[in-house]
Amino acid sequence: MSPTEPAAPAPEAGDPPGLRRVMGRKLLLLFIVGDILGTGVYALTGEVAGEVGGAAWAPFLLAFAVATLTAFSYLELVTKYPQAAGAALYTHKAFGIHLLTFVIAFMVMSSGITSASTASNAFAGFLNDGFGLGLQDGGGGLLAIALGFMTLVALVNFRGVSESVRANVVLTLVELSGLLLVIFVGLWGMTQGRADFSRVVVFESADDKGVFVAVTAATTLAFFAMVGFEDSVNMAEECQDPVKDFPRMMITGLSLTGLIYVLVAVTAVALVPVGDLTDPERASALTQVVAAGVPDLPFDVLFPFIGMFAVANSALINMLMASRLLYGLANQGTLPRAFGRVHPRRRTPWVAIVVTTAISYGLIVYVVRASGSASGADAVSLLGGTTSLLLLCVFTVVNVALLVLRRRPVEHRHFRTWSPLAVLGALTCAFLAGPWARSAEQQEQYVIAAGLLVVGLTLSFLTWLYNRRVRHRRTEFGDVTTLDADRPSSAAPRKRR
C-alpha cells in the first residue's frame, strides 16, 4: 500500500508538449488543503451540530474516514493514469459505456454548481453579519446579495480567470487563517473558563431521531466539508513527480484538514450552546464561536470577512470547473454544440457560463426563500447535502472502476492500494448515498439531484437524436482527457468525424 519509486516514463522527443511540471510537494500540499477547506465547515457547522448536538465532531471524523478510503483509490488511479478529467476518465477506461461516462461527468459538474450555490448563500450570511445589516432569513435582501454574488462570480469567470497555483497559496492561507482563528480563540476562551466540555460528549437530536439516523444524516452533511481532494487529480500533469508526491501529499492534506475540522467542531460546541449555533436568528455558527471566545476583542468583526473570502474562493473554483466541464461535454458532442461556444475576444465558454449560472440562480432562489420559514430552515443545508450525495455516487463508481482496472496493467510503476480498502470505500459511499442514511428533511436532496440529472439526460437525448437523425453520426466520447480543459482553444466546439 505504498508507492513504488520509479516515476512514469518521460515523454519522447517526438511527443507533443504537455503542461509544465511546476508543482513540487509543498505547492501540491497547499493546493489539496486549499481545495478541501472552505464552504463546508464555514457554512454547515451549525447544521451538523443540529443533527447530533454536542457530538458534532463525530460526523466530521466519520466523513474524514470515508473520504480517506476513496482517496486511496484515487491515488492508485491518478498515478496509473496521470492525466486530467478525473472520475470521468477512470469510468470511461473501466467500463467504456457512453451513458455512464456522461452521467458521472454531469454529476461532477452538478456538484460544482450546488457547491457554489451553497457558497453564495453562505456569502450572503457572512456579509449580513459583517456589516450588521440585520437582514431576515429568506428575505429579498439576502436573496439579492446571493444572486449578485453569483453574478459577480460569472463575470469574473467570463473575463477568463483560470486556476493559478501561486494565487491558490495565498487563498489557502487566508482560508486556513480563519479556521485557525476559531481554534486559537477557542483555546483562549478555554483558559478563561468560558468553555463547557460536558457538551462535547452529549448526543442529542432536535427531532428525537435515533442515534443511527442522526449520525448518518450528519455524516452525509459533514462529508461536504471533506470533498475537494478529488479535484487535485486534475493537477497530475503539472506535478514534478506525481507517482511519488501525490500519495504522500494527499494523505497529509486530508489528515490536516480532518484534524482542523474536528478541532473546530469541538471548539464550537464547547464555547457556544448547540441551541445558539442552530438558531437562525443569530449570527453564523463560527462567528458566534469567535465572539464567545474573546468577547472583548473585535475578532468577531473580522471573522465574517474571512468567511466571505473563503466561500468566494470555493464558489469561483467550482463555477470555473462546472462551466469548463459543460463546455467539454458540448465539445465532445454529447450536449448541444451551442453550449461550447467561445467568446471571440475573451476566449471563454460564455454560453456554458450563462447556463451553469442560470441553474445556480434557481437553486439559490429556492434555498434562500425556503430558509426563511420554520419548516424550511433545513433547506440551508440542502445544497451542501446534495453536493455530498452526487459525489458519493461518483466515488462509489470510482472505487468499483479501480477494481475493474486492476486487470489492465500499465508499463510504468504506480501507487497500489489494498483491494479491501477499495471494496470498503465503494460500500461505505454507496451506503451513505442511500435514503436510509438521511433524515426525512434531507430526502429532498434526491429531488434536487434527480432534477439536475433529468435536465442533463434530456439534453443528452436530444443531442443524440439530432446527431442520429440530422448529422447521421454516432454520439460518443472521443478524448475524455479534454473534458475539463481550462482554456477553450477555438471559438466553437471542434467537429468530430
Protein backbone atom coordinates (compact mmCIF):
# COMPACT_ATOMS: atom_id res chain seq x y z
CA MET A 1 0.00 0.00 0.00
CA SER A 2 2.93 2.29 -0.69
CA PRO A 3 4.10 3.96 -3.89
CA THR A 4 6.95 2.44 -5.80
CA GLU A 5 9.98 4.55 -6.52
CA PRO A 6 10.23 4.91 -10.33
CA ALA A 7 8.04 7.60 -11.84
CA ALA A 8 6.15 7.44 -15.09
CA PRO A 9 8.39 7.43 -18.14
CA ALA A 10 9.30 10.77 -19.61
CA PRO A 11 7.81 11.68 -22.96
CA GLU A 12 9.90 11.00 -26.00
CA ALA A 13 11.28 13.73 -28.21
CA GLY A 14 8.56 13.34 -30.80
CA ASP A 15 5.70 13.60 -28.33
CA PRO A 16 3.59 16.78 -28.29
CA PRO A 17 4.47 19.19 -25.49
CA GLY A 18 2.41 18.85 -22.32
CA LEU A 19 1.74 21.08 -19.36
CA ARG A 20 4.69 22.45 -17.43
CA ARG A 21 5.50 20.35 -14.39
CA VAL A 22 5.89 23.19 -11.92
CA MET A 23 4.24 21.75 -8.81
CA GLY A 24 6.50 20.31 -6.15
CA ARG A 25 5.37 18.69 -2.93
CA LYS A 26 4.75 21.91 -0.98
CA LEU A 27 2.64 23.54 -3.70
CA LEU A 28 0.70 20.32 -4.22
CA LEU A 29 0.00 20.05 -0.48
CA LEU A 30 -1.24 23.64 -0.32
CA PHE A 31 -3.43 23.08 -3.38
CA ILE A 32 -5.04 19.98 -1.82
CA VAL A 33 -5.58 21.67 1.55
CA GLY A 34 -7.00 24.77 -0.12
CA ASP A 35 -9.32 22.67 -2.28
CA ILE A 36 -10.79 20.91 0.76
CA LEU A 37 -11.03 23.90 3.09
CA GLY A 38 -13.79 26.40 2.55
CA THR A 39 -17.56 26.46 2.39
CA GLY A 40 -18.29 23.16 4.14
CA VAL A 41 -17.04 23.91 7.63
CA TYR A 42 -17.66 27.67 7.35
CA ALA A 43 -21.31 27.28 6.38
CA LEU A 44 -22.53 23.96 7.80
CA THR A 45 -21.00 23.55 11.27
CA GLY A 46 -24.23 24.69 12.91
CA GLU A 47 -26.35 22.31 10.82
CA VAL A 48 -24.13 19.34 11.73
CA ALA A 49 -24.43 20.27 15.41
CA GLY A 50 -28.19 20.49 14.96
CA GLU A 51 -28.28 16.83 13.91
CA VAL A 52 -26.22 15.31 16.73
CA GLY A 53 -25.83 18.01 19.37
CA GLY A 54 -22.51 18.38 21.16
CA ALA A 55 -21.04 15.33 19.42
CA ALA A 56 -20.65 17.40 16.23
CA TRP A 57 -17.02 16.30 15.94
CA ALA A 58 -18.05 12.65 15.34
CA PRO A 59 -19.66 13.19 11.88
CA PHE A 60 -16.60 15.14 10.72
CA LEU A 61 -14.36 12.29 11.89
CA LEU A 62 -16.51 9.69 10.11
CA ALA A 63 -16.63 11.80 6.95
CA PHE A 64 -12.82 12.01 7.05
CA ALA A 65 -12.58 8.20 7.31
CA VAL A 66 -14.92 7.63 4.35
CA ALA A 67 -13.14 10.26 2.23
CA THR A 68 -9.76 8.68 3.03
CA LEU A 69 -10.90 5.27 1.79
CA THR A 70 -11.84 6.75 -1.57
CA ALA A 71 -8.69 8.88 -1.62
CA PHE A 72 -6.61 5.67 -1.70
CA SER A 73 -8.48 4.59 -4.84
CA TYR A 74 -7.88 7.99 -6.43
CA LEU A 75 -4.18 7.69 -5.57
CA GLU A 76 -3.79 4.44 -7.49
CA LEU A 77 -5.78 5.74 -10.45
CA VAL A 78 -4.07 9.13 -10.71
CA THR A 79 -0.59 7.58 -10.56
CA LYS A 80 -1.65 4.89 -13.03
CA TYR A 81 -3.26 7.41 -15.40
CA PRO A 82 -1.60 10.79 -14.61
CA GLN A 83 -4.00 12.79 -16.78
CA ALA A 84 -6.77 15.30 -16.16
CA ALA A 85 -10.54 14.57 -16.28
CA GLY A 86 -10.57 12.50 -13.07
CA ALA A 87 -13.65 10.39 -12.41
CA ALA A 88 -14.98 10.60 -15.98
CA LEU A 89 -11.65 9.32 -17.34
CA TYR A 90 -11.50 6.39 -14.89
CA THR A 91 -15.14 5.48 -15.55
CA HIS A 92 -14.63 5.55 -19.31
CA LYS A 93 -11.46 3.46 -19.15
CA ALA A 94 -13.08 0.89 -16.85
CA PHE A 95 -16.49 0.47 -18.47
CA GLY A 96 -16.45 2.24 -21.85
CA ILE A 97 -20.18 2.97 -21.58
CA HIS A 98 -21.10 6.34 -23.07
CA LEU A 99 -24.16 6.91 -20.87
CA LEU A 100 -22.34 6.04 -17.64
CA THR A 101 -19.41 8.30 -18.50
CA PHE A 102 -21.83 11.13 -19.30
CA VAL A 103 -23.77 10.66 -16.03
CA ILE A 104 -20.57 10.68 -13.96
CA ALA A 105 -19.26 13.78 -15.73
CA PHE A 106 -22.61 15.55 -15.35
CA MET A 107 -22.79 14.60 -11.66
CA VAL A 108 -19.36 16.12 -11.08
CA MET A 109 -20.45 19.26 -12.93
CA SER A 110 -23.70 19.45 -10.95
CA SER A 111 -21.83 19.02 -7.67
CA GLY A 112 -19.81 22.10 -8.59
CA ILE A 113 -22.97 24.12 -9.18
CA THR A 114 -24.64 23.00 -5.93
CA SER A 115 -21.42 23.65 -4.01
CA ALA A 116 -21.10 27.16 -5.47
CA SER A 117 -24.78 27.84 -4.72
CA THR A 118 -24.17 26.82 -1.10
CA ALA A 119 -21.22 29.22 -1.04
CA SER A 120 -23.44 32.04 -2.36
CA ASN A 121 -25.94 31.50 0.41
CA ALA A 122 -23.10 31.46 2.98
CA PHE A 123 -21.56 34.59 1.47
CA ALA A 124 -24.83 36.49 1.92
CA GLY A 125 -24.97 35.40 5.56
CA PHE A 126 -21.39 36.45 6.28
CA LEU A 127 -21.90 39.81 4.58
CA ASN A 128 -25.05 40.34 6.64
CA ASP A 129 -23.09 39.59 9.83
CA GLY A 130 -20.00 41.59 8.84
CA PHE A 131 -21.84 44.82 8.06
CA GLY A 132 -24.60 44.33 10.64
CA LEU A 133 -27.33 44.74 8.03
CA GLY A 134 -29.93 42.89 10.08
CA LEU A 135 -31.49 41.23 7.02
CA GLN A 136 -34.02 38.49 7.72
CA ASP A 137 -33.53 34.88 6.62
CA GLY A 138 -35.47 34.18 3.46
CA GLY A 139 -35.91 37.86 2.70
CA GLY A 140 -35.31 39.72 -0.51
CA GLY A 141 -32.18 41.37 0.85
CA LEU A 142 -30.23 38.15 1.39
CA LEU A 143 -31.55 36.75 -1.89
CA ALA A 144 -30.34 39.84 -3.77
CA ILE A 145 -26.89 39.55 -2.18
CA ALA A 146 -26.60 35.84 -3.00
CA LEU A 147 -27.72 36.34 -6.62
CA GLY A 148 -25.50 39.40 -7.00
CA PHE A 149 -22.53 37.47 -5.69
CA MET A 150 -23.13 34.63 -8.17
CA THR A 151 -23.43 37.19 -10.97
CA LEU A 152 -20.06 38.63 -9.94
CA VAL A 153 -18.56 35.14 -9.99
CA ALA A 154 -19.94 34.65 -13.53
CA LEU A 155 -18.44 37.96 -14.68
CA VAL A 156 -15.03 37.06 -13.27
CA ASN A 157 -15.36 33.65 -14.91
CA PHE A 158 -16.24 35.34 -18.20
CA ARG A 159 -13.16 37.55 -18.04
CA GLY A 160 -11.05 34.41 -18.22
CA VAL A 161 -9.75 33.75 -14.73
CA SER A 162 -8.01 30.36 -14.57
CA GLU A 163 -6.53 28.50 -11.64
CA SER A 164 -3.16 29.80 -10.58
CA VAL A 165 -1.11 27.67 -8.24
CA ARG A 166 0.65 30.61 -6.64
CA ALA A 167 -2.61 32.53 -6.16
CA ASN A 168 -4.07 29.39 -4.61
CA VAL A 169 -1.32 29.51 -1.98
CA VAL A 170 -2.48 32.96 -0.86
CA LEU A 171 -6.17 31.99 -0.90
CA THR A 172 -5.44 28.83 1.07
CA LEU A 173 -3.54 30.72 3.74
CA VAL A 174 -6.47 33.15 4.17
CA GLU A 175 -8.98 30.28 4.44
CA LEU A 176 -6.72 28.42 6.85
CA SER A 177 -6.23 31.53 8.99
CA GLY A 178 -9.97 31.80 9.58
CA LEU A 179 -10.23 28.24 10.89
CA LEU A 180 -7.05 28.53 12.95
CA LEU A 181 -8.52 31.71 14.39
CA VAL A 182 -11.52 29.74 15.61
CA ILE A 183 -9.26 27.13 17.20
CA PHE A 184 -6.93 29.64 18.88
CA VAL A 185 -9.84 31.74 20.11
CA GLY A 186 -11.35 28.55 21.48
CA LEU A 187 -8.13 27.68 23.32
CA TRP A 188 -8.02 31.20 24.75
CA GLY A 189 -11.64 31.01 25.83
CA MET A 190 -10.97 27.66 27.49
CA THR A 191 -8.13 29.15 29.55
CA GLN A 192 -10.56 31.87 30.68
CA GLY A 193 -13.12 29.33 31.85
CA ARG A 194 -15.65 30.05 29.11
CA ALA A 195 -15.77 26.50 27.72
CA ASP A 196 -18.12 23.74 28.84
CA PHE A 197 -16.59 20.43 27.77
CA SER A 198 -19.50 18.46 29.12
CA ARG A 199 -21.42 19.47 25.97
CA VAL A 200 -18.82 17.86 23.71
CA VAL A 201 -19.87 14.31 24.64
CA VAL A 202 -23.60 14.95 24.72
CA PHE A 203 -25.57 13.40 21.89
CA GLU A 204 -28.96 14.96 21.22
CA SER A 205 -31.25 15.31 18.23
CA ALA A 206 -33.77 18.10 17.92
CA ASP A 207 -36.33 15.74 16.37
CA ASP A 208 -35.68 12.80 18.74
CA LYS A 209 -34.12 10.75 15.95
CA GLY A 210 -32.33 7.53 16.73
CA VAL A 211 -28.55 7.60 17.08
CA PHE A 212 -28.01 5.71 13.81
CA VAL A 213 -30.22 8.00 11.70
CA ALA A 214 -28.90 11.19 13.28
CA VAL A 215 -25.21 10.26 12.95
CA THR A 216 -25.50 9.05 9.35
CA ALA A 217 -27.54 12.13 8.41
CA ALA A 218 -24.91 14.39 9.99
CA THR A 219 -22.08 12.44 8.34
CA THR A 220 -23.55 12.86 4.86
CA LEU A 221 -23.76 16.58 5.59
CA ALA A 222 -20.23 16.77 7.06
CA PHE A 223 -18.93 14.90 4.03
CA PHE A 224 -19.46 18.12 2.07
CA ALA A 225 -16.59 19.61 4.09
CA MET A 226 -14.20 16.82 3.02
CA VAL A 227 -14.83 16.92 -0.74
CA GLY A 228 -12.44 18.79 -2.97
CA PHE A 229 -9.49 16.44 -2.76
CA GLU A 230 -10.72 14.72 -5.95
CA ASP A 231 -10.20 17.97 -7.89
CA SER A 232 -6.48 17.77 -7.25
CA VAL A 233 -6.12 14.82 -9.65
CA ASN A 234 -6.58 17.34 -12.46
CA MET A 235 -3.17 18.77 -11.50
CA ALA A 236 -1.40 15.45 -12.15
CA GLU A 237 0.11 16.62 -15.44
CA GLU A 238 1.61 19.67 -13.73
CA CYS A 239 3.29 17.81 -10.85
CA GLN A 240 7.02 17.20 -10.97
CA ASP A 241 6.68 13.60 -9.78
CA PRO A 242 3.00 12.59 -9.40
CA VAL A 243 3.78 8.94 -8.63
CA LYS A 244 5.84 9.77 -5.54
CA ASP A 245 4.32 13.09 -4.48
CA PHE A 246 0.58 12.52 -4.82
CA PRO A 247 0.19 9.71 -2.25
CA ARG A 248 2.19 11.48 0.45
CA MET A 249 0.68 14.92 -0.09
CA MET A 250 -2.95 13.81 -0.47
CA ILE A 251 -2.92 11.74 2.72
CA THR A 252 -1.12 14.56 4.55
CA GLY A 253 -3.60 17.13 3.26
CA LEU A 254 -6.63 15.02 4.20
CA SER A 255 -5.20 14.39 7.67
CA LEU A 256 -4.51 18.08 8.30
CA THR A 257 -7.97 19.20 7.20
CA GLY A 258 -9.65 16.36 9.12
CA LEU A 259 -7.82 17.40 12.30
CA ILE A 260 -8.72 21.07 11.79
CA TYR A 261 -12.40 20.23 11.25
CA VAL A 262 -12.60 18.08 14.38
CA LEU A 263 -10.92 20.80 16.47
CA VAL A 264 -13.26 23.46 15.06
CA ALA A 265 -16.31 21.32 15.87
CA VAL A 266 -15.10 20.62 19.42
CA THR A 267 -14.34 24.30 19.97
CA ALA A 268 -17.72 25.38 18.63
CA VAL A 269 -19.85 23.19 20.90
CA ALA A 270 -17.62 23.78 23.93
CA LEU A 271 -17.96 27.58 23.71
CA VAL A 272 -21.48 28.02 22.33
CA PRO A 273 -24.64 26.07 23.29
CA VAL A 274 -25.94 23.97 20.40
CA GLY A 275 -29.27 25.79 20.50
CA ASP A 276 -27.48 29.06 19.73
CA LEU A 277 -25.37 27.52 16.96
CA THR A 278 -28.51 26.40 15.15
CA ASP A 279 -30.65 29.48 15.88
CA PRO A 280 -31.41 31.20 12.54
CA GLU A 281 -31.97 34.49 14.38
CA ARG A 282 -28.32 34.57 15.49
CA ALA A 283 -25.09 35.11 13.60
CA SER A 284 -23.44 32.22 11.74
CA ALA A 285 -22.06 29.46 13.94
CA LEU A 286 -18.35 30.24 13.68
CA THR A 287 -18.97 33.96 14.12
CA GLN A 288 -20.65 33.14 17.42
CA VAL A 289 -17.66 31.00 18.44
CA VAL A 290 -15.19 33.83 17.89
CA ALA A 291 -17.42 36.29 19.78
CA ALA A 292 -17.84 33.86 22.68
CA GLY A 293 -14.14 33.03 22.94
CA VAL A 294 -12.83 36.60 23.02
CA PRO A 295 -15.77 38.91 23.71
CA ASP A 296 -13.55 41.93 24.46
CA LEU A 297 -11.68 41.85 21.16
CA PRO A 298 -13.14 42.72 17.73
CA PHE A 299 -12.28 39.35 16.17
CA ASP A 300 -15.96 38.71 15.61
CA VAL A 301 -15.97 41.77 13.35
CA LEU A 302 -13.09 40.42 11.25
CA PHE A 303 -14.20 36.82 11.03
CA PRO A 304 -17.23 37.26 8.72
CA PHE A 305 -14.95 38.88 6.14
CA ILE A 306 -12.55 35.94 6.29
CA GLY A 307 -15.56 33.69 5.83
CA MET A 308 -16.69 35.71 2.81
CA PHE A 309 -13.26 35.36 1.24
CA ALA A 310 -13.15 31.61 1.86
CA VAL A 311 -16.57 30.85 0.36
CA ALA A 312 -15.93 33.24 -2.53
CA ASN A 313 -12.83 31.24 -3.43
CA SER A 314 -14.83 27.99 -3.27
CA ALA A 315 -17.60 29.40 -5.47
CA LEU A 316 -15.23 30.68 -8.14
CA ILE A 317 -13.27 27.41 -8.33
CA ASN A 318 -16.46 25.35 -8.53
CA MET A 319 -18.13 27.51 -11.19
CA LEU A 320 -14.93 27.54 -13.24
CA MET A 321 -14.92 23.75 -13.09
CA ALA A 322 -18.64 23.43 -13.87
CA SER A 323 -18.59 25.77 -16.88
CA ARG A 324 -15.45 24.16 -18.33
CA LEU A 325 -16.91 20.69 -17.86
CA LEU A 326 -20.15 21.72 -19.59
CA TYR A 327 -18.03 23.18 -22.39
CA GLY A 328 -16.13 19.89 -22.58
CA LEU A 329 -19.32 17.83 -22.83
CA ALA A 330 -20.50 20.04 -25.69
CA ASN A 331 -17.09 19.81 -27.32
CA GLN A 332 -17.35 16.02 -27.16
CA GLY A 333 -20.69 16.24 -28.97
CA THR A 334 -22.68 14.75 -26.07
CA LEU A 335 -24.56 18.00 -25.31
CA PRO A 336 -25.82 20.71 -27.68
CA ARG A 337 -22.94 22.29 -29.57
CA ALA A 338 -24.21 25.76 -28.65
CA PHE A 339 -23.01 25.15 -25.07
CA GLY A 340 -19.47 25.01 -26.44
CA ARG A 341 -19.43 28.47 -27.98
CA VAL A 342 -16.45 30.58 -27.00
CA HIS A 343 -16.37 34.37 -26.84
CA PRO A 344 -14.18 35.55 -29.74
CA ARG A 345 -12.31 38.13 -27.66
CA ARG A 346 -12.28 36.74 -24.12
CA ARG A 347 -11.78 33.13 -25.28
CA THR A 348 -14.05 31.89 -22.51
CA PRO A 349 -17.05 29.50 -22.87
CA TRP A 350 -19.67 32.20 -22.41
CA VAL A 351 -22.72 30.04 -23.16
CA ALA A 352 -21.61 27.39 -20.64
CA ILE A 353 -21.06 30.15 -18.07
CA VAL A 354 -24.57 31.52 -18.68
CA VAL A 355 -26.18 28.06 -18.44
CA THR A 356 -24.40 26.99 -15.23
CA THR A 357 -25.08 30.40 -13.66
CA ALA A 358 -28.78 30.18 -14.56
CA ILE A 359 -29.02 26.77 -12.89
CA SER A 360 -27.34 28.15 -9.78
CA TYR A 361 -29.82 31.06 -9.72
CA GLY A 362 -32.72 28.61 -9.48
CA LEU A 363 -31.07 26.69 -6.64
CA ILE A 364 -30.19 29.88 -4.76
CA VAL A 365 -33.73 31.29 -5.01
CA TYR A 366 -35.22 28.03 -3.76
CA VAL A 367 -32.89 27.61 -0.79
CA VAL A 368 -32.76 31.25 0.36
CA ARG A 369 -36.55 31.56 0.20
CA ALA A 370 -37.11 28.24 1.98
CA SER A 371 -34.67 29.09 4.77
CA GLY A 372 -36.92 31.92 5.90
CA SER A 373 -39.69 29.59 7.14
CA ALA A 374 -39.65 27.32 10.17
CA SER A 375 -40.49 24.28 8.05
CA GLY A 376 -37.80 25.12 5.53
CA ALA A 377 -34.99 26.08 7.88
CA ASP A 378 -33.16 22.85 6.99
CA ALA A 379 -33.08 24.00 3.35
CA VAL A 380 -29.90 25.91 4.17
CA SER A 381 -28.06 22.57 4.26
CA LEU A 382 -29.91 21.06 1.29
CA LEU A 383 -27.42 22.16 -1.35
CA GLY A 384 -24.42 21.03 0.69
CA GLY A 385 -26.12 17.68 1.22
CA THR A 386 -26.93 17.42 -2.49
CA THR A 387 -23.27 18.04 -3.32
CA SER A 388 -22.33 15.20 -0.97
CA LEU A 389 -24.97 12.92 -2.49
CA LEU A 390 -23.75 13.49 -6.04
CA LEU A 391 -20.11 12.94 -5.13
CA LEU A 392 -20.85 9.87 -3.01
CA CYS A 393 -22.41 8.31 -6.12
CA VAL A 394 -19.35 9.31 -8.15
CA PHE A 395 -16.97 7.91 -5.51
CA THR A 396 -18.85 4.61 -5.48
CA VAL A 397 -18.26 4.23 -9.22
CA VAL A 398 -14.60 5.31 -8.91
CA ASN A 399 -13.92 2.63 -6.28
CA VAL A 400 -15.52 -0.03 -8.49
CA ALA A 401 -13.61 1.29 -11.51
CA LEU A 402 -10.36 0.76 -9.62
CA LEU A 403 -11.17 -2.92 -9.10
CA VAL A 404 -12.02 -3.32 -12.80
CA LEU A 405 -8.87 -1.54 -13.98
CA ARG A 406 -6.71 -3.77 -11.79
CA ARG A 407 -6.90 -6.28 -14.64
CA ARG A 408 -5.32 -3.80 -17.06
CA PRO A 409 -1.69 -3.20 -16.14
CA VAL A 410 0.32 -0.25 -17.42
CA GLU A 411 4.01 -0.15 -18.28
CA HIS A 412 5.14 2.20 -15.53
CA ARG A 413 5.04 1.54 -11.81
CA HIS A 414 2.46 3.32 -9.69
CA PHE A 415 0.86 3.53 -6.28
CA ARG A 416 -1.14 0.43 -5.42
CA THR A 417 -3.74 0.43 -2.67
CA TRP A 418 -5.02 -2.55 -0.75
CA SER A 419 -8.03 -4.05 -2.57
CA PRO A 420 -10.20 -4.39 0.58
CA LEU A 421 -9.92 -0.61 1.05
CA ALA A 422 -11.45 -0.04 -2.39
CA VAL A 423 -14.23 -2.53 -1.60
CA LEU A 424 -14.88 -0.86 1.74
CA GLY A 425 -14.79 2.57 0.07
CA ALA A 426 -17.39 1.51 -2.50
CA LEU A 427 -19.65 0.01 0.17
CA THR A 428 -19.45 2.97 2.56
CA CYS A 429 -20.01 5.54 -0.21
CA ALA A 430 -22.95 3.55 -1.60
CA PHE A 431 -24.39 3.23 1.90
CA LEU A 432 -24.11 6.96 2.62
CA ALA A 433 -25.69 7.73 -0.76
CA GLY A 434 -28.82 5.74 0.14
CA PRO A 435 -32.07 7.16 1.58
CA TRP A 436 -31.56 5.20 4.82
CA ALA A 437 -28.58 7.46 5.59
CA ARG A 438 -30.67 10.62 5.51
CA SER A 439 -33.29 12.15 7.73
CA ALA A 440 -36.78 12.94 6.45
CA GLU A 441 -35.79 16.57 5.90
CA GLN A 442 -32.79 15.52 3.81
CA GLN A 443 -34.76 13.33 1.40
CA GLU A 444 -35.37 16.39 -0.75
CA GLN A 445 -31.71 16.16 -1.76
CA TYR A 446 -32.79 13.37 -4.13
CA VAL A 447 -35.35 15.68 -5.73
CA ILE A 448 -32.68 18.32 -6.46
CA ALA A 449 -30.14 15.74 -7.67
CA ALA A 450 -32.73 13.98 -9.82
CA GLY A 451 -33.89 17.28 -11.29
CA LEU A 452 -30.34 18.16 -12.31
CA LEU A 453 -29.80 14.72 -13.85
CA VAL A 454 -33.11 14.88 -15.72
CA VAL A 455 -32.02 18.16 -17.27
CA GLY A 456 -28.70 16.64 -18.31
CA LEU A 457 -30.16 13.39 -19.65
CA THR A 458 -32.88 15.25 -21.57
CA LEU A 459 -30.32 17.49 -23.24
CA SER A 460 -28.13 14.46 -23.95
CA PHE A 461 -31.04 12.55 -25.50
CA LEU A 462 -31.98 15.49 -27.73
CA THR A 463 -28.34 15.76 -28.79
CA TRP A 464 -28.22 12.03 -29.54
CA LEU A 465 -31.45 12.30 -31.57
CA TYR A 466 -30.12 15.29 -33.53
CA ASN A 467 -26.81 13.57 -34.24
CA ARG A 468 -28.56 10.40 -35.38
CA ARG A 469 -31.36 11.91 -37.49
CA VAL A 470 -29.76 15.06 -38.87
CA ARG A 471 -25.99 14.63 -38.81
CA HIS A 472 -26.03 10.83 -39.24
CA ARG A 473 -23.22 10.13 -36.82
CA ARG A 474 -22.74 8.33 -33.55
CA THR A 475 -22.79 10.12 -30.22
CA GLU A 476 -19.83 9.00 -28.15
CA PHE A 477 -16.85 10.34 -26.25
CA GLY A 478 -13.75 10.99 -28.27
CA ASP A 479 -10.97 12.14 -25.95
CA VAL A 480 -12.19 12.14 -22.34
CA THR A 481 -8.99 13.80 -21.14
CA THR A 482 -10.16 17.09 -22.71
CA LEU A 483 -13.38 17.26 -20.68
CA ASP A 484 -12.18 19.84 -18.18
CA ALA A 485 -9.85 21.86 -20.40
CA ASP A 486 -9.07 25.16 -18.68
CA ARG A 487 -8.72 27.29 -21.74
CA PRO A 488 -11.01 26.77 -24.73
CA SER A 489 -8.81 27.00 -27.80
CA SER A 490 -11.35 27.75 -30.51
CA ALA A 491 -14.42 29.89 -30.97
CA ALA A 492 -16.65 26.83 -31.47
CA PRO A 493 -16.55 23.18 -30.45
CA ARG A 494 -14.41 21.00 -32.66
CA LYS A 495 -16.20 18.80 -35.17
CA ARG A 496 -15.87 15.08 -34.73
CA ARG A 497 -15.93 12.84 -37.75
